[in-house]
Amino acid sequence: MTTTTRPDRPTPASHRLVLGAAAVTTGLMAGTFYAFSCAVMPALGRSDDRTFIAVMRDINDVIENPVFFAGFFGALLLTAVAAWQHRRSPGPRGWIVAALVVYAVAFLLTSGVNVPLNNALADAGDPARLADPAAVRDRFEDAWNAWNTVRALLCTAALALLLRAPYAGARRSGPAQEPAYLASAAGSRASR
């Protein structure tokens, strides 16, 4: 038996809670990547090569913690749950699915581009003993910064889509429409 959600039926509290949590975790990830783009990496860019490598390695080491992972994985999982919960709500569903796709791309970029760059930086060895720290930095910095900016923009777009979702399909304010049964009765009277 298939049922659909009526547009005038209120959204269950659990659906609103999950959608809100998806927006919060997505916003936290957008903010994390944004902070790297506009503050952390420009500040590190002023450092000498060995300092840049040492600090970036430390950042990559400490960011792997439960708080970061709660946001990073939570945004993906909560958005997926919200999409499933709204599967019969044609208005919000499209916005949430779009947010899920956009965030998934950011998630895959992080896993497939930024993390391998972080690993290559770690595998280069002790910054104090590197023969050519400038070459190690050159292989890392520009690519990492470019892809971090992309994932910051993607997470911001996913957040905007999630924030739009609750308003999709909402009743527009304006002149009330006459119910169809009254309109047909008026039409039949006019034809008499």
C-alpha atoms as a PDB file:
ATOM      1  CA  MET A   1       0.000   0.000   0.000  1.00  0.00           C
ATOM      2  CA  THR A   2       1.492   3.344  -1.050  1.00  0.00           C
ATOM      3  CA  THR A   3       0.690   6.517   0.786  1.00  0.00           C
ATOM      4  CA  THR A   4       1.710  10.045   0.059  1.00  0.00           C
ATOM      5  CA  THR A   5       2.236  12.975   2.336  1.00  0.00           C
ATOM      6  CA  ARG A   6      -0.373  15.647   1.865  1.00  0.00           C
ATOM      7  CA  PRO A   7       1.010  19.173   1.485  1.00  0.00           C
ATOM      8  CA  ASP A   8      -1.154  20.451   4.334  1.00  0.00           C
ATOM      9  CA  ARG A   9      -0.061  17.738   6.775  1.00  0.00           C
ATOM     10  CA  PRO A  10       2.534  18.980   9.275  1.00  0.00           C
ATOM     11  CA  THR A  11       5.988  17.446   9.114  1.00  0.00           C
ATOM     12  CA  PRO A  12       6.620  15.089  12.043  1.00  0.00           C
ATOM     13  CA  ALA A  13       8.955  16.439  14.723  1.00  0.00           C
ATOM     14  CA  SER A  14      11.437  13.615  14.112  1.00  0.00           C
ATOM     15  CA  HIS A  15      11.711  14.620  10.447  1.00  0.00           C
ATOM     16  CA  ARG A  16      12.314  18.257  11.384  1.00  0.00           C
ATOM     17  CA  LEU A  17      14.905  17.208  13.974  1.00  0.00           C
ATOM     18  CA  VAL A  18      16.856  15.043  11.515  1.00  0.00           C
ATOM     19  CA  LEU A  19      16.725  17.708   8.805  1.00  0.00           C
ATOM     20  CA  GLY A  20      17.907  20.305  11.315  1.00  0.00           C
ATOM     21  CA  ALA A  21      20.749  18.062  12.482  1.00  0.00           C
ATOM     22  CA  ALA A  22      21.740  17.459   8.854  1.00  0.00           C
ATOM     23  CA  ALA A  23      21.865  21.217   8.289  1.00  0.00           C
ATOM     24  CA  VAL A  24      23.911  21.805  11.450  1.00  0.00           C
ATOM     25  CA  THR A  25      26.492  19.123  10.655  1.00  0.00           C
ATOM     26  CA  THR A  26      26.720  20.250   7.028  1.00  0.00           C
ATOM     27  CA  GLY A  27      27.163  23.825   8.240  1.00  0.00           C
ATOM     28  CA  LEU A  28      29.923  22.740  10.588  1.00  0.00           C
ATOM     29  CA  MET A  29      31.759  21.089   7.702  1.00  0.00           C
ATOM     30  CA  ALA A  30      31.269  24.123   5.451  1.00  0.00           C
ATOM     31  CA  GLY A  31      32.649  26.286   8.257  1.00  0.00           C
ATOM     32  CA  THR A  32      35.626  24.012   8.819  1.00  0.00           C
ATOM     33  CA  PHE A  33      36.651  24.063   5.169  1.00  0.00           C
ATOM     34  CA  TYR A  34      35.877  27.796   4.922  1.00  0.00           C
ATOM     35  CA  ALA A  35      38.144  28.536   7.906  1.00  0.00           C
ATOM     36  CA  PHE A  36      40.953  26.632   6.218  1.00  0.00           C
ATOM     37  CA  SER A  37      40.430  28.602   2.986  1.00  0.00           C
ATOM     38  CA  CYS A  38      40.266  32.068   4.487  1.00  0.00           C
ATOM     39  CA  ALA A  39      42.489  31.848   7.578  1.00  0.00           C
ATOM     40  CA  VAL A  40      44.458  28.675   8.269  1.00  0.00           C
ATOM     41  CA  MET A  41      46.073  28.121   4.870  1.00  0.00           C
ATOM     42  CA  PRO A  42      46.819  31.813   4.166  1.00  0.00           C
ATOM     43  CA  ALA A  43      48.515  32.034   7.585  1.00  0.00           C
ATOM     44  CA  LEU A  44      50.484  28.852   6.947  1.00  0.00           C
ATOM     45  CA  GLY A  45      51.390  30.199   3.520  1.00  0.00           C
ATOM     46  CA  ARG A  46      53.531  32.814   5.271  1.00  0.00           C
ATOM     47  CA  SER A  47      55.615  30.111   6.944  1.00  0.00           C
ATOM     48  CA  ASP A  48      58.898  28.678   5.737  1.00  0.00           C
ATOM     49  CA  ASP A  49      58.731  25.257   4.075  1.00  0.00           C
ATOM     50  CA  ARG A  50      59.720  23.159   7.093  1.00  0.00           C
ATOM     51  CA  THR A  51      57.298  24.992   9.404  1.00  0.00           C
ATOM     52  CA  PHE A  52      54.492  24.704   6.837  1.00  0.00           C
ATOM     53  CA  ILE A  53      55.020  20.934   6.528  1.00  0.00           C
ATOM     54  CA  ALA A  54      55.333  20.378  10.283  1.00  0.00           C
ATOM     55  CA  VAL A  55      52.213  22.390  11.171  1.00  0.00           C
ATOM     56  CA  MET A  56      50.123  20.902   8.349  1.00  0.00           C
ATOM     57  CA  ARG A  57      51.126  17.398   9.445  1.00  0.00           C
ATOM     58  CA  ASP A  58      50.106  18.267  13.011  1.00  0.00           C
ATOM     59  CA  ILE A  59      46.762  19.622  11.816  1.00  0.00           C
ATOM     60  CA  ASN A  60      46.132  16.491   9.747  1.00  0.00           C
ATOM     61  CA  ASP A  61      46.966  14.356  12.762  1.00  0.00           C
ATOM     62  CA  VAL A  62      44.786  16.155  15.332  1.00  0.00           C
ATOM     63  CA  ILE A  63      41.784  16.719  13.056  1.00  0.00           C
ATOM     64  CA  GLU A  64      41.156  12.975  13.040  1.00  0.00           C
ATOM     65  CA  ASN A  65      39.054  13.033  16.188  1.00  0.00           C
ATOM     66  CA  PRO A  66      35.490  12.100  17.174  1.00  0.00           C
ATOM     67  CA  VAL A  67      34.216  15.687  16.969  1.00  0.00           C
ATOM     68  CA  PHE A  68      35.409  16.144  13.375  1.00  0.00           C
ATOM     69  CA  PHE A  69      34.201  12.699  12.332  1.00  0.00           C
ATOM     70  CA  ALA A  70      30.775  13.335  13.905  1.00  0.00           C
ATOM     71  CA  GLY A  71      30.333  16.294  11.576  1.00  0.00           C
ATOM     72  CA  PHE A  72      32.036  14.778   8.537  1.00  0.00           C
ATOM     73  CA  PHE A  73      30.147  11.462   8.566  1.00  0.00           C
ATOM     74  CA  GLY A  74      27.101  12.871  10.372  1.00  0.00           C
ATOM     75  CA  ALA A  75      26.344  15.349   7.581  1.00  0.00           C
ATOM     76  CA  LEU A  76      26.279  12.537   5.032  1.00  0.00           C
ATOM     77  CA  LEU A  77      24.291  10.080   7.153  1.00  0.00           C
ATOM     78  CA  LEU A  78      21.787  12.605   8.524  1.00  0.00           C
ATOM     79  CA  THR A  79      21.121  14.050   5.071  1.00  0.00           C
ATOM     80  CA  ALA A  80      20.578  10.532   3.726  1.00  0.00           C
ATOM     81  CA  VAL A  81      18.138   9.787   6.576  1.00  0.00           C
ATOM     82  CA  ALA A  82      16.345  13.094   5.959  1.00  0.00           C
ATOM     83  CA  ALA A  83      16.031  12.242   2.251  1.00  0.00           C
ATOM     84  CA  TRP A  84      14.543   8.865   3.154  1.00  0.00           C
ATOM     85  CA  GLN A  85      12.149  10.411   5.687  1.00  0.00           C
ATOM     86  CA  HIS A  86      10.932  12.922   3.094  1.00  0.00           C
ATOM     87  CA  ARG A  87      10.679  10.394   0.257  1.00  0.00           C
ATOM     88  CA  ARG A  88       6.912  10.999   0.020  1.00  0.00           C
ATOM     89  CA  SER A  89       7.158  14.776   0.381  1.00  0.00           C
ATOM     90  CA  PRO A  90       7.616  16.034  -3.167  1.00  0.00           C
ATOM     91  CA  GLY A  91       8.471  19.598  -2.152  1.00  0.00           C
ATOM     92  CA  PRO A  92      11.347  19.056   0.289  1.00  0.00           C
ATOM     93  CA  ARG A  93      12.520  15.739  -1.186  1.00  0.00           C
ATOM     94  CA  GLY A  94      14.219  17.247  -4.247  1.00  0.00           C
ATOM     95  CA  TRP A  95      16.096  19.838  -2.215  1.00  0.00           C
ATOM     96  CA  ILE A  96      17.286  17.261   0.311  1.00  0.00           C
ATOM     97  CA  VAL A  97      18.372  14.784  -2.375  1.00  0.00           C
ATOM     98  CA  ALA A  98      20.246  17.600  -4.147  1.00  0.00           C
ATOM     99  CA  ALA A  99      21.967  18.466  -0.844  1.00  0.00           C
ATOM    100  CA  LEU A 100      22.877  14.812  -0.371  1.00  0.00           C
ATOM    101  CA  VAL A 101      24.433  14.591  -3.851  1.00  0.00           C
ATOM    102  CA  VAL A 102      26.361  17.849  -3.434  1.00  0.00           C
ATOM    103  CA  TYR A 103      27.657  16.899   0.017  1.00  0.00           C
ATOM    104  CA  ALA A 104      28.551  13.406  -1.224  1.00  0.00           C
ATOM    105  CA  VAL A 105      30.758  14.999  -3.882  1.00  0.00           C
ATOM    106  CA  ALA A 106      32.517  17.048  -1.172  1.00  0.00           C
ATOM    107  CA  PHE A 107      32.850  13.896   0.947  1.00  0.00           C
ATOM    108  CA  LEU A 108      34.376  11.986  -1.976  1.00  0.00           C
ATOM    109  CA  LEU A 109      36.739  14.866  -2.787  1.00  0.00           C
ATOM    110  CA  THR A 110      37.937  14.873   0.794  1.00  0.00           C
ATOM    111  CA  SER A 111      38.440  11.109   0.803  1.00  0.00           C
ATOM    112  CA  GLY A 112      39.862  10.873  -2.710  1.00  0.00           C
ATOM    113  CA  VAL A 113      41.967  14.034  -3.015  1.00  0.00           C
ATOM    114  CA  ASN A 114      42.660  15.904   0.240  1.00  0.00           C
ATOM    115  CA  VAL A 115      43.275  12.843   2.426  1.00  0.00           C
ATOM    116  CA  PRO A 116      45.741  11.269  -0.072  1.00  0.00           C
ATOM    117  CA  LEU A 117      47.579  14.611  -0.221  1.00  0.00           C
ATOM    118  CA  ASN A 118      47.684  14.630   3.594  1.00  0.00           C
ATOM    119  CA  ASN A 119      49.026  11.071   3.580  1.00  0.00           C
ATOM    120  CA  ALA A 120      51.718  11.949   1.027  1.00  0.00           C
ATOM    121  CA  LEU A 121      52.792  14.855   3.218  1.00  0.00           C
ATOM    122  CA  ALA A 122      53.017  12.548   6.238  1.00  0.00           C
ATOM    123  CA  ASP A 123      54.922   9.927   4.223  1.00  0.00           C
ATOM    124  CA  ALA A 124      57.535  12.505   3.169  1.00  0.00           C
ATOM    125  CA  GLY A 125      59.159  12.127   6.569  1.00  0.00           C
ATOM    126  CA  ASP A 126      60.374  14.379   9.343  1.00  0.00           C
ATOM    127  CA  PRO A 127      60.344  17.986   8.076  1.00  0.00           C
ATOM    128  CA  ALA A 128      63.625  18.700   9.880  1.00  0.00           C
ATOM    129  CA  ARG A 129      65.376  15.955   7.862  1.00  0.00           C
ATOM    130  CA  LEU A 130      63.890  16.568   4.405  1.00  0.00           C
ATOM    131  CA  ALA A 131      66.490  17.204   1.730  1.00  0.00           C
ATOM    132  CA  ASP A 132      64.100  19.376  -0.324  1.00  0.00           C
ATOM    133  CA  PRO A 133      61.194  20.630   1.785  1.00  0.00           C
ATOM    134  CA  ALA A 134      60.243  23.163  -0.918  1.00  0.00           C
ATOM    135  CA  ALA A 135      59.516  20.334  -3.383  1.00  0.00           C
ATOM    136  CA  VAL A 136      57.388  18.494  -0.789  1.00  0.00           C
ATOM    137  CA  ARG A 137      55.435  21.669  -0.097  1.00  0.00           C
ATOM    138  CA  ASP A 138      55.007  22.418  -3.819  1.00  0.00           C
ATOM    139  CA  ARG A 139      53.469  18.995  -4.428  1.00  0.00           C
ATOM    140  CA  PHE A 140      50.990  19.596  -1.612  1.00  0.00           C
ATOM    141  CA  GLU A 141      50.010  23.214  -1.055  1.00  0.00           C
ATOM    142  CA  ASP A 142      48.409  24.482  -4.286  1.00  0.00           C
ATOM    143  CA  ALA A 143      46.483  21.281  -5.009  1.00  0.00           C
ATOM    144  CA  TRP A 144      45.268  20.946  -1.425  1.00  0.00           C
ATOM    145  CA  ASN A 145      44.163  24.590  -1.276  1.00  0.00           C
ATOM    146  CA  ALA A 146      42.312  24.416  -4.590  1.00  0.00           C
ATOM    147  CA  TRP A 147      40.394  21.274  -3.679  1.00  0.00           C
ATOM    148  CA  ASN A 148      39.690  22.563  -0.175  1.00  0.00           C
ATOM    149  CA  THR A 149      38.057  25.639  -1.716  1.00  0.00           C
ATOM    150  CA  VAL A 150      35.930  23.388  -3.917  1.00  0.00           C
ATOM    151  CA  ARG A 151      34.758  21.309  -0.979  1.00  0.00           C
ATOM    152  CA  ALA A 152      34.031  24.462   1.059  1.00  0.00           C
ATOM    153  CA  LEU A 153      31.825  25.733  -1.771  1.00  0.00           C
ATOM    154  CA  LEU A 154      30.117  22.354  -2.142  1.00  0.00           C
ATOM    155  CA  CYS A 155      29.369  22.089   1.579  1.00  0.00           C
ATOM    156  CA  THR A 156      28.020  25.646   1.578  1.00  0.00           C
ATOM    157  CA  ALA A 157      25.781  24.801  -1.377  1.00  0.00           C
ATOM    158  CA  ALA A 158      24.573  21.635   0.388  1.00  0.00           C
ATOM    159  CA  LEU A 159      23.763  23.700   3.474  1.00  0.00           C
ATOM    160  CA  ALA A 160      21.790  26.208   1.386  1.00  0.00           C
ATOM    161  CA  LEU A 161      19.809  23.356  -0.187  1.00  0.00           C
ATOM    162  CA  LEU A 162      19.014  21.877   3.232  1.00  0.00           C
ATOM    163  CA  LEU A 163      17.918  25.259   4.544  1.00  0.00           C
ATOM    164  CA  ARG A 164      15.612  25.689   1.540  1.00  0.00           C
ATOM    165  CA  ALA A 165      14.002  22.257   1.897  1.00  0.00           C
ATOM    166  CA  PRO A 166      11.508  23.063   4.689  1.00  0.00           C
ATOM    167  CA  TYR A 167      10.007  25.841   2.592  1.00  0.00           C
ATOM    168  CA  ALA A 168       9.538  23.748  -0.530  1.00  0.00           C
ATOM    169  CA  GLY A 169       5.927  22.934  -1.142  1.00  0.00           C
ATOM    170  CA  ALA A 170       4.777  25.209   1.674  1.00  0.00           C
ATOM    171  CA  ARG A 171       1.455  26.827   1.035  1.00  0.00           C
ATOM    172  CA  ARG A 172       1.864  30.204  -0.548  1.00  0.00           C
ATOM    173  CA  SER A 173       0.080  33.042   1.131  1.00  0.00           C
ATOM    174  CA  GLY A 174      -2.276  34.897  -1.094  1.00  0.00           C
ATOM    175  CA  PRO A 175      -5.916  34.804  -2.041  1.00  0.00           C
ATOM    176  CA  ALA A 176      -7.601  31.673  -0.842  1.00  0.00           C
ATOM    177  CA  GLN A 177      -8.731  29.393  -3.603  1.00  0.00           C
ATOM    178  CA  GLU A 178     -12.295  28.264  -3.592  1.00  0.00           C
ATOM    179  CA  PRO A 179     -12.651  24.515  -3.099  1.00  0.00           C
ATOM    180  CA  ALA A 180     -13.380  22.638  -6.309  1.00  0.00           C
ATOM    181  CA  TYR A 181     -16.788  21.438  -5.126  1.00  0.00           C
ATOM    182  CA  LEU A 182     -17.957  25.033  -4.634  1.00  0.00           C
ATOM    183  CA  ALA A 183     -16.545  26.155  -7.955  1.00  0.00           C
ATOM    184  CA  SER A 184     -18.418  23.418  -9.799  1.00  0.00           C
ATOM    185  CA  ALA A 185     -21.659  24.302  -7.993  1.00  0.00           C
ATOM    186  CA  ALA A 186     -21.268  27.960  -8.938  1.00  0.00           C
ATOM    187  CA  GLY A 187     -20.650  26.942 -12.509  1.00  0.00           C
ATOM    188  CA  SER A 188     -23.791  24.821 -12.595  1.00  0.00           C
ATOM    189  CA  ARG A 189     -25.880  27.693 -11.151  1.00  0.00           C
ATOM    190  CA  ALA A 190     -24.539  30.087 -13.757  1.00  0.00           C
ATOM    191  CA  SER A 191     -25.558  27.702 -16.527  1.00  0.00           C
ATOM    192  CA  ARG A 192     -29.181  27.521 -15.368  1.00  0.00           C
END
